[in-house]
Every structure is written in structure tokens, then in C-alpha cells.
Amino acid sequence: MPNLTSRGRGRRTINEINMVPFIDVMLVLLIIFMVTAPLITPSVIDLPSMGKAAKQPDQVIQVLVSKDDQLQIKTSETTRDLTLEDLADTVKQAQTTGKGATPGNTAVVISADKTVKYETVVKVMDTLQRAGIARVGLSVQMVN
């Protein structure tokens, strides 16, 4: 066996990180992204529109919920106060007594103040739907 003699220094460790492979990988990824980015088509979202209703309602009945959870019903003729218990009967009566309106084609719109609790609006919607009123919607603005 030959003798392994070191000539003064021997092996020494490298204290630096070799950056060349890292830079090579980053440049390859950059080229891949630059080539594929123009090929990606933006996705198209099909949003619902307001004008797709089969038939416009004959009459619109508004249920107004004020800041202090007081309910009002507003038809084309009148506006009056009511309670949650009387809501379904009053809306059904307003549907049948409206001028030239059929009960199935009368829309009920709930308009609530922005400070009203969500629970109150859900209770009003639930009361109307349990009473068999089919067309119940929400307004995006408070109408006075």
C-alpha cells in the first residue's frame, strides 16, 4: 500500500454555497413562465342578469324592515305598519286585492336598513316562504 502523504494542506471544506446551479434553475423557470403566460386564457364567468325573468311581476309588494325591527308593507296604494305574526296574512291579502294582479305573479321584495340584524331579515323571508309565497326577493337599497 502506498502511503498517503499530504503536502502541507490536505483536504479543506468549502465554506461557500455554489450559486451557479441555483441561478440556472431560476433562469429555466423564468423562461418557462414567460413562454406559458401568454398562452393562458382568462376564464369566463357567466353571471346572472336581471332581465332573464320569464314574466315581469304584475305588482310588487315591499316589506320594509326599519332600524328598530319594525315592519311595514308598501303596495302601490298604501303603506301600513304590521307585526311579524300578521305579515303572511297581510301579504296574501295584498296579493289578491291588488289592481289586476294574479297571486302567483306578484313579487314580494324585502327592503331592510343596513343596520338591521341578518336574523330579522331571515325571519321575514322564512315567514313569507312558509306561507306559500313563491316570489320573495331582497332589495339592495332601502326605499322610503
N, C-alpha and C. Protein backbone atom coordinates (compact mmCIF):
# COMPACT_ATOMS: atom_id res chain seq x y z
N MET A 1 0.81 -1.18 0.00
CA MET A 1 0.00 0.00 0.00
C MET A 1 0.86 1.25 0.00
N PRO A 2 0.50 2.10 -0.88
CA PRO A 2 1.29 3.33 -0.88
C PRO A 2 0.87 4.24 0.27
N ASN A 3 1.76 4.93 0.71
CA ASN A 3 1.48 5.89 1.77
C ASN A 3 0.83 7.14 1.20
N LEU A 4 -0.20 7.58 1.89
CA LEU A 4 -0.84 8.82 1.50
C LEU A 4 -0.23 9.94 2.31
N THR A 5 0.50 10.72 1.63
CA THR A 5 1.10 11.84 2.34
C THR A 5 0.50 13.11 1.81
N SER A 6 0.24 13.95 2.69
CA SER A 6 -0.30 15.24 2.29
C SER A 6 0.81 16.24 2.25
N ARG A 7 0.76 17.09 1.33
CA ARG A 7 1.82 18.07 1.18
C ARG A 7 1.45 19.38 1.85
N GLY A 8 1.29 19.38 3.04
CA GLY A 8 1.09 20.61 3.78
C GLY A 8 -0.36 20.95 4.06
N ARG A 9 -1.24 20.88 3.07
CA ARG A 9 -2.60 21.38 3.28
C ARG A 9 -3.60 20.28 3.57
N GLY A 10 -3.70 19.27 2.81
CA GLY A 10 -4.72 18.25 2.97
C GLY A 10 -6.04 18.73 2.38
N ARG A 11 -7.10 18.08 2.73
CA ARG A 11 -8.41 18.48 2.24
C ARG A 11 -8.98 19.59 3.10
N ARG A 12 -9.61 20.49 2.44
CA ARG A 12 -10.26 21.55 3.19
C ARG A 12 -11.72 21.65 2.73
N THR A 13 -12.59 22.10 3.61
CA THR A 13 -14.00 22.20 3.29
C THR A 13 -14.30 23.53 2.61
N ILE A 14 -15.32 23.49 1.78
CA ILE A 14 -15.72 24.71 1.07
C ILE A 14 -16.77 25.42 1.94
N ASN A 15 -16.54 26.64 2.25
CA ASN A 15 -17.43 27.41 3.11
C ASN A 15 -18.49 28.18 2.33
N GLU A 16 -18.47 28.17 1.03
CA GLU A 16 -19.39 28.94 0.22
C GLU A 16 -20.40 28.03 -0.46
N ILE A 17 -21.58 28.59 -0.72
CA ILE A 17 -22.60 27.86 -1.48
C ILE A 17 -22.36 28.14 -2.95
N ASN A 18 -22.42 27.09 -3.74
CA ASN A 18 -22.24 27.26 -5.18
C ASN A 18 -23.56 27.77 -5.76
N MET A 19 -23.57 28.99 -6.26
CA MET A 19 -24.78 29.64 -6.74
C MET A 19 -25.10 29.34 -8.20
N VAL A 20 -24.20 28.77 -8.93
CA VAL A 20 -24.40 28.54 -10.36
C VAL A 20 -25.58 27.61 -10.63
N PRO A 21 -25.74 26.45 -9.96
CA PRO A 21 -26.93 25.63 -10.22
C PRO A 21 -28.23 26.32 -9.85
N PHE A 22 -28.22 27.08 -8.78
CA PHE A 22 -29.42 27.81 -8.37
C PHE A 22 -29.83 28.83 -9.42
N ILE A 23 -28.88 29.58 -9.93
CA ILE A 23 -29.17 30.57 -10.96
C ILE A 23 -29.66 29.90 -12.24
N ASP A 24 -29.08 28.75 -12.60
CA ASP A 24 -29.52 28.02 -13.79
C ASP A 24 -30.98 27.58 -13.66
N VAL A 25 -31.36 27.06 -12.52
CA VAL A 25 -32.73 26.61 -12.31
C VAL A 25 -33.69 27.80 -12.35
N MET A 26 -33.32 28.89 -11.75
CA MET A 26 -34.19 30.07 -11.74
C MET A 26 -34.37 30.63 -13.16
N LEU A 27 -33.32 30.64 -13.97
CA LEU A 27 -33.45 31.13 -15.34
C LEU A 27 -34.34 30.21 -16.17
N VAL A 28 -34.23 28.91 -15.99
CA VAL A 28 -35.08 27.97 -16.72
C VAL A 28 -36.54 28.18 -16.32
N LEU A 29 -36.83 28.34 -15.02
CA LEU A 29 -38.20 28.59 -14.57
C LEU A 29 -38.73 29.91 -15.12
N LEU A 30 -37.89 30.93 -15.16
CA LEU A 30 -38.31 32.22 -15.70
C LEU A 30 -38.68 32.10 -17.17
N ILE A 31 -37.91 31.37 -17.93
CA ILE A 31 -38.22 31.18 -19.36
C ILE A 31 -39.52 30.40 -19.53
N ILE A 32 -39.72 29.37 -18.72
CA ILE A 32 -40.96 28.58 -18.80
C ILE A 32 -42.17 29.46 -18.51
N PHE A 33 -42.11 30.28 -17.48
CA PHE A 33 -43.24 31.16 -17.14
C PHE A 33 -43.46 32.23 -18.21
N MET A 34 -42.39 32.74 -18.78
CA MET A 34 -42.54 33.76 -19.81
C MET A 34 -43.16 33.18 -21.08
N VAL A 35 -42.90 31.94 -21.38
CA VAL A 35 -43.45 31.31 -22.57
C VAL A 35 -44.91 30.91 -22.35
N THR A 36 -45.23 30.38 -21.17
CA THR A 36 -46.58 29.88 -20.93
C THR A 36 -47.57 30.96 -20.51
N ALA A 37 -47.15 32.09 -19.99
CA ALA A 37 -48.07 33.14 -19.52
C ALA A 37 -48.97 33.67 -20.63
N PRO A 38 -48.50 33.97 -21.81
CA PRO A 38 -49.43 34.45 -22.85
C PRO A 38 -50.40 33.38 -23.35
N LEU A 39 -50.10 32.12 -23.13
CA LEU A 39 -50.95 31.05 -23.62
C LEU A 39 -52.15 30.79 -22.71
N ILE A 40 -52.11 31.27 -21.49
CA ILE A 40 -53.20 31.04 -20.54
C ILE A 40 -54.33 32.00 -20.85
N THR A 41 -55.50 31.45 -21.13
CA THR A 41 -56.65 32.30 -21.42
C THR A 41 -57.40 32.56 -20.12
N PRO A 42 -57.88 33.79 -19.94
CA PRO A 42 -58.65 34.07 -18.72
C PRO A 42 -59.99 33.35 -18.77
N SER A 43 -60.41 32.87 -17.62
CA SER A 43 -61.68 32.14 -17.55
C SER A 43 -62.85 33.12 -17.64
N VAL A 44 -63.94 32.64 -18.19
CA VAL A 44 -65.13 33.47 -18.35
C VAL A 44 -66.17 33.00 -17.34
N ILE A 45 -66.72 33.95 -16.58
CA ILE A 45 -67.72 33.64 -15.57
C ILE A 45 -69.07 34.09 -16.11
N ASP A 46 -70.03 33.19 -16.11
CA ASP A 46 -71.37 33.50 -16.58
C ASP A 46 -72.20 34.00 -15.41
N LEU A 47 -72.32 35.32 -15.28
CA LEU A 47 -73.07 35.92 -14.18
C LEU A 47 -74.53 36.05 -14.55
N PRO A 48 -75.42 35.88 -13.58
CA PRO A 48 -76.84 36.05 -13.89
C PRO A 48 -77.16 37.52 -14.14
N SER A 49 -78.15 37.74 -14.95
CA SER A 49 -78.55 39.11 -15.23
C SER A 49 -79.99 39.31 -14.77
N MET A 50 -80.38 40.56 -14.68
CA MET A 50 -81.70 40.90 -14.17
C MET A 50 -82.81 40.65 -15.18
N GLY A 51 -82.53 40.69 -16.46
CA GLY A 51 -83.56 40.66 -17.46
C GLY A 51 -83.97 39.27 -17.92
N LYS A 52 -83.59 38.21 -17.22
CA LYS A 52 -83.88 36.86 -17.68
C LYS A 52 -85.15 36.27 -17.08
N ALA A 53 -85.97 37.07 -16.44
CA ALA A 53 -87.20 36.56 -15.86
C ALA A 53 -88.18 36.21 -16.98
N ALA A 54 -88.93 35.13 -16.78
CA ALA A 54 -89.88 34.70 -17.80
C ALA A 54 -90.97 35.73 -18.00
N LYS A 55 -91.47 36.26 -16.91
CA LYS A 55 -92.54 37.26 -16.99
C LYS A 55 -92.34 38.26 -15.86
N GLN A 56 -92.46 39.51 -16.17
CA GLN A 56 -92.32 40.54 -15.16
C GLN A 56 -93.52 40.49 -14.21
N PRO A 57 -93.32 40.79 -12.93
CA PRO A 57 -94.44 40.73 -11.99
C PRO A 57 -95.48 41.78 -12.28
N ASP A 58 -96.74 41.39 -12.01
CA ASP A 58 -97.85 42.32 -12.20
C ASP A 58 -97.80 43.44 -11.16
N GLN A 59 -97.43 43.07 -9.95
CA GLN A 59 -97.44 44.01 -8.84
C GLN A 59 -96.25 43.67 -7.95
N VAL A 60 -95.66 44.67 -7.32
CA VAL A 60 -94.56 44.47 -6.39
C VAL A 60 -95.01 44.95 -5.01
N ILE A 61 -94.91 44.06 -4.05
CA ILE A 61 -95.23 44.39 -2.66
C ILE A 61 -93.91 44.48 -1.91
N GLN A 62 -93.67 45.60 -1.24
CA GLN A 62 -92.44 45.77 -0.49
C GLN A 62 -92.71 45.58 0.99
N VAL A 63 -91.82 44.80 1.63
CA VAL A 63 -91.84 44.66 3.08
C VAL A 63 -90.62 45.42 3.58
N LEU A 64 -90.87 46.51 4.30
CA LEU A 64 -89.79 47.36 4.79
C LEU A 64 -89.46 47.01 6.23
N VAL A 65 -88.18 46.79 6.51
CA VAL A 65 -87.71 46.50 7.86
C VAL A 65 -86.87 47.69 8.29
N SER A 66 -87.33 48.40 9.32
CA SER A 66 -86.62 49.61 9.76
C SER A 66 -85.54 49.27 10.77
N LYS A 67 -84.82 50.30 11.22
CA LYS A 67 -83.70 50.12 12.15
C LYS A 67 -84.12 49.44 13.44
N ASP A 68 -85.31 49.75 13.94
CA ASP A 68 -85.77 49.19 15.21
C ASP A 68 -86.64 47.94 15.00
N ASP A 69 -86.41 47.21 13.89
CA ASP A 69 -87.08 45.95 13.56
C ASP A 69 -88.60 46.10 13.40
N GLN A 70 -89.07 47.27 13.08
CA GLN A 70 -90.49 47.49 12.80
C GLN A 70 -90.75 47.14 11.33
N LEU A 71 -91.86 46.47 11.09
CA LEU A 71 -92.21 46.06 9.73
C LEU A 71 -93.28 46.97 9.16
N GLN A 72 -93.16 47.26 7.88
CA GLN A 72 -94.17 47.99 7.13
C GLN A 72 -94.37 47.28 5.81
N ILE A 73 -95.58 47.32 5.31
CA ILE A 73 -95.88 46.77 4.00
C ILE A 73 -96.27 47.93 3.10
N LYS A 74 -95.66 47.94 1.91
CA LYS A 74 -95.90 49.05 0.99
C LYS A 74 -96.37 48.48 -0.35
N THR A 75 -97.59 48.82 -0.71
CA THR A 75 -98.12 48.46 -2.02
C THR A 75 -98.21 49.73 -2.86
N SER A 76 -98.75 49.60 -4.04
CA SER A 76 -98.86 50.79 -4.89
C SER A 76 -99.82 51.82 -4.32
N GLU A 77 -100.79 51.36 -3.49
CA GLU A 77 -101.77 52.29 -2.94
C GLU A 77 -101.42 52.79 -1.56
N THR A 78 -100.98 51.90 -0.64
CA THR A 78 -100.84 52.28 0.77
C THR A 78 -99.53 51.79 1.36
N THR A 79 -99.25 52.34 2.54
CA THR A 79 -98.15 51.89 3.38
C THR A 79 -98.70 51.78 4.79
N ARG A 80 -98.50 50.61 5.43
CA ARG A 80 -99.02 50.46 6.79
C ARG A 80 -98.08 49.59 7.62
N ASP A 81 -98.14 49.81 8.95
CA ASP A 81 -97.32 49.05 9.89
C ASP A 81 -97.97 47.71 10.19
N LEU A 82 -97.13 46.72 10.51
CA LEU A 82 -97.65 45.41 10.89
C LEU A 82 -96.61 44.66 11.72
N THR A 83 -97.03 43.53 12.27
CA THR A 83 -96.14 42.69 13.06
C THR A 83 -95.75 41.46 12.25
N LEU A 84 -94.77 40.71 12.75
CA LEU A 84 -94.30 39.52 12.05
C LEU A 84 -95.39 38.46 11.97
N GLU A 85 -96.24 38.38 12.99
CA GLU A 85 -97.31 37.39 13.01
C GLU A 85 -98.37 37.69 11.94
N ASP A 86 -98.62 38.97 11.67
CA ASP A 86 -99.64 39.37 10.69
C ASP A 86 -99.08 39.49 9.27
N LEU A 87 -97.78 39.27 9.11
CA LEU A 87 -97.14 39.52 7.83
C LEU A 87 -97.69 38.65 6.71
N ALA A 88 -97.75 37.35 6.93
CA ALA A 88 -98.17 36.44 5.86
C ALA A 88 -99.61 36.71 5.42
N ASP A 89 -100.51 36.90 6.38
CA ASP A 89 -101.91 37.17 6.02
C ASP A 89 -102.06 38.50 5.27
N THR A 90 -101.32 39.50 5.72
CA THR A 90 -101.42 40.81 5.09
C THR A 90 -100.87 40.77 3.66
N VAL A 91 -99.76 40.05 3.44
CA VAL A 91 -99.19 39.96 2.10
C VAL A 91 -100.12 39.19 1.18
N LYS A 92 -100.69 38.08 1.68
CA LYS A 92 -101.63 37.32 0.84
C LYS A 92 -102.86 38.16 0.48
N GLN A 93 -103.33 38.94 1.44
CA GLN A 93 -104.48 39.80 1.18
C GLN A 93 -104.11 40.88 0.16
N ALA A 94 -102.91 41.43 0.26
CA ALA A 94 -102.46 42.46 -0.68
C ALA A 94 -102.26 41.87 -2.08
N GLN A 95 -101.88 40.59 -2.15
CA GLN A 95 -101.72 39.94 -3.45
C GLN A 95 -103.05 39.79 -4.17
N THR A 96 -104.09 39.44 -3.43
CA THR A 96 -105.39 39.21 -4.06
C THR A 96 -106.16 40.49 -4.33
N THR A 97 -105.92 41.53 -3.52
CA THR A 97 -106.68 42.77 -3.70
C THR A 97 -105.97 43.79 -4.57
N GLY A 98 -104.81 43.46 -5.09
CA GLY A 98 -104.09 44.40 -5.95
C GLY A 98 -104.81 44.60 -7.26
N LYS A 99 -104.58 45.73 -7.90
CA LYS A 99 -105.31 46.04 -9.13
C LYS A 99 -104.78 45.19 -10.28
N GLY A 100 -105.62 44.25 -10.76
CA GLY A 100 -105.31 43.42 -11.91
C GLY A 100 -104.19 42.42 -11.70
N ALA A 101 -103.85 42.10 -10.47
CA ALA A 101 -102.73 41.21 -10.22
C ALA A 101 -103.22 39.80 -9.92
N THR A 102 -102.46 38.83 -10.39
CA THR A 102 -102.74 37.44 -10.03
C THR A 102 -101.83 37.07 -8.89
N PRO A 103 -102.31 36.27 -7.92
CA PRO A 103 -101.48 35.97 -6.74
C PRO A 103 -100.16 35.27 -7.09
N GLY A 104 -100.13 34.47 -8.12
CA GLY A 104 -98.89 33.76 -8.46
C GLY A 104 -97.84 34.64 -9.10
N ASN A 105 -98.23 35.79 -9.62
CA ASN A 105 -97.29 36.65 -10.33
C ASN A 105 -97.07 37.97 -9.61
N THR A 106 -97.25 37.97 -8.31
CA THR A 106 -96.98 39.15 -7.51
C THR A 106 -95.68 38.92 -6.74
N ALA A 107 -94.72 39.80 -6.95
CA ALA A 107 -93.42 39.67 -6.29
C ALA A 107 -93.43 40.38 -4.95
N VAL A 108 -92.76 39.79 -3.98
CA VAL A 108 -92.60 40.40 -2.67
C VAL A 108 -91.12 40.70 -2.49
N VAL A 109 -90.80 41.97 -2.25
CA VAL A 109 -89.42 42.41 -2.11
C VAL A 109 -89.21 42.89 -0.68
N ILE A 110 -88.16 42.37 -0.04
CA ILE A 110 -87.82 42.77 1.33
C ILE A 110 -86.74 43.83 1.25
N SER A 111 -87.03 45.00 1.81
CA SER A 111 -86.07 46.11 1.87
C SER A 111 -85.76 46.34 3.34
N ALA A 112 -84.49 46.20 3.70
CA ALA A 112 -84.10 46.36 5.10
C ALA A 112 -83.02 47.42 5.23
N ASP A 113 -83.03 48.10 6.36
CA ASP A 113 -81.98 49.06 6.67
C ASP A 113 -80.67 48.30 6.87
N LYS A 114 -79.54 48.94 6.58
CA LYS A 114 -78.27 48.23 6.66
C LYS A 114 -77.85 47.90 8.10
N THR A 115 -78.48 48.51 9.08
CA THR A 115 -78.13 48.22 10.47
C THR A 115 -78.99 47.13 11.08
N VAL A 116 -79.95 46.62 10.32
CA VAL A 116 -80.84 45.57 10.83
C VAL A 116 -80.07 44.26 10.91
N LYS A 117 -80.34 43.46 11.94
CA LYS A 117 -79.69 42.17 12.09
C LYS A 117 -80.11 41.24 10.96
N TYR A 118 -79.18 40.43 10.53
CA TYR A 118 -79.44 39.46 9.48
C TYR A 118 -80.55 38.49 9.89
N GLU A 119 -80.60 38.18 11.17
CA GLU A 119 -81.60 37.25 11.71
C GLU A 119 -83.03 37.76 11.45
N THR A 120 -83.23 39.06 11.57
CA THR A 120 -84.56 39.63 11.35
C THR A 120 -85.00 39.47 9.90
N VAL A 121 -84.09 39.71 8.99
CA VAL A 121 -84.42 39.56 7.56
C VAL A 121 -84.72 38.10 7.24
N VAL A 122 -83.96 37.18 7.80
CA VAL A 122 -84.19 35.76 7.56
C VAL A 122 -85.53 35.33 8.14
N LYS A 123 -85.91 35.87 9.30
CA LYS A 123 -87.22 35.54 9.87
C LYS A 123 -88.35 36.01 8.96
N VAL A 124 -88.21 37.20 8.39
CA VAL A 124 -89.24 37.71 7.47
C VAL A 124 -89.32 36.82 6.23
N MET A 125 -88.17 36.46 5.66
CA MET A 125 -88.16 35.57 4.49
C MET A 125 -88.78 34.22 4.81
N ASP A 126 -88.43 33.68 5.96
CA ASP A 126 -88.95 32.37 6.36
C ASP A 126 -90.46 32.41 6.55
N THR A 127 -90.95 33.49 7.17
CA THR A 127 -92.40 33.63 7.38
C THR A 127 -93.13 33.67 6.04
N LEU A 128 -92.59 34.40 5.08
CA LEU A 128 -93.23 34.51 3.77
C LEU A 128 -93.19 33.18 3.01
N GLN A 129 -92.07 32.50 3.07
CA GLN A 129 -91.95 31.24 2.33
C GLN A 129 -92.79 30.14 2.95
N ARG A 130 -92.92 30.13 4.28
CA ARG A 130 -93.79 29.14 4.93
C ARG A 130 -95.26 29.38 4.62
N ALA A 131 -95.60 30.61 4.31
CA ALA A 131 -96.98 30.94 3.97
C ALA A 131 -97.30 30.59 2.52
N GLY A 132 -96.31 30.12 1.77
CA GLY A 132 -96.54 29.70 0.40
C GLY A 132 -96.36 30.80 -0.63
N ILE A 133 -95.71 31.87 -0.26
CA ILE A 133 -95.46 32.96 -1.22
C ILE A 133 -94.19 32.61 -1.99
N ALA A 134 -94.35 32.45 -3.31
CA ALA A 134 -93.27 31.90 -4.12
C ALA A 134 -92.20 32.91 -4.50
N ARG A 135 -92.57 34.10 -4.86
CA ARG A 135 -91.62 35.08 -5.37
C ARG A 135 -91.22 36.05 -4.28
N VAL A 136 -90.16 35.70 -3.56
CA VAL A 136 -89.63 36.56 -2.48
C VAL A 136 -88.22 36.94 -2.87
N GLY A 137 -87.92 38.24 -2.83
CA GLY A 137 -86.59 38.71 -3.18
C GLY A 137 -86.10 39.73 -2.19
N LEU A 138 -84.82 40.11 -2.34
CA LEU A 138 -84.21 41.12 -1.47
C LEU A 138 -83.87 42.35 -2.29
N SER A 139 -84.09 43.50 -1.71
CA SER A 139 -83.73 44.76 -2.34
C SER A 139 -82.32 45.14 -1.93
N VAL A 140 -81.61 45.82 -2.81
CA VAL A 140 -80.24 46.21 -2.49
C VAL A 140 -80.17 47.61 -1.90
N GLN A 141 -81.27 48.35 -1.93
CA GLN A 141 -81.32 49.68 -1.34
C GLN A 141 -82.59 49.82 -0.52
N MET A 142 -82.48 50.62 0.54
CA MET A 142 -83.66 50.90 1.36
C MET A 142 -84.50 51.94 0.64
N VAL A 143 -85.77 51.60 0.40
CA VAL A 143 -86.68 52.51 -0.28
C VAL A 143 -87.64 53.08 0.74
N ASN A 144 -87.72 54.41 0.82
CA ASN A 144 -88.63 55.04 1.79
C ASN A 144 -89.90 55.47 1.13
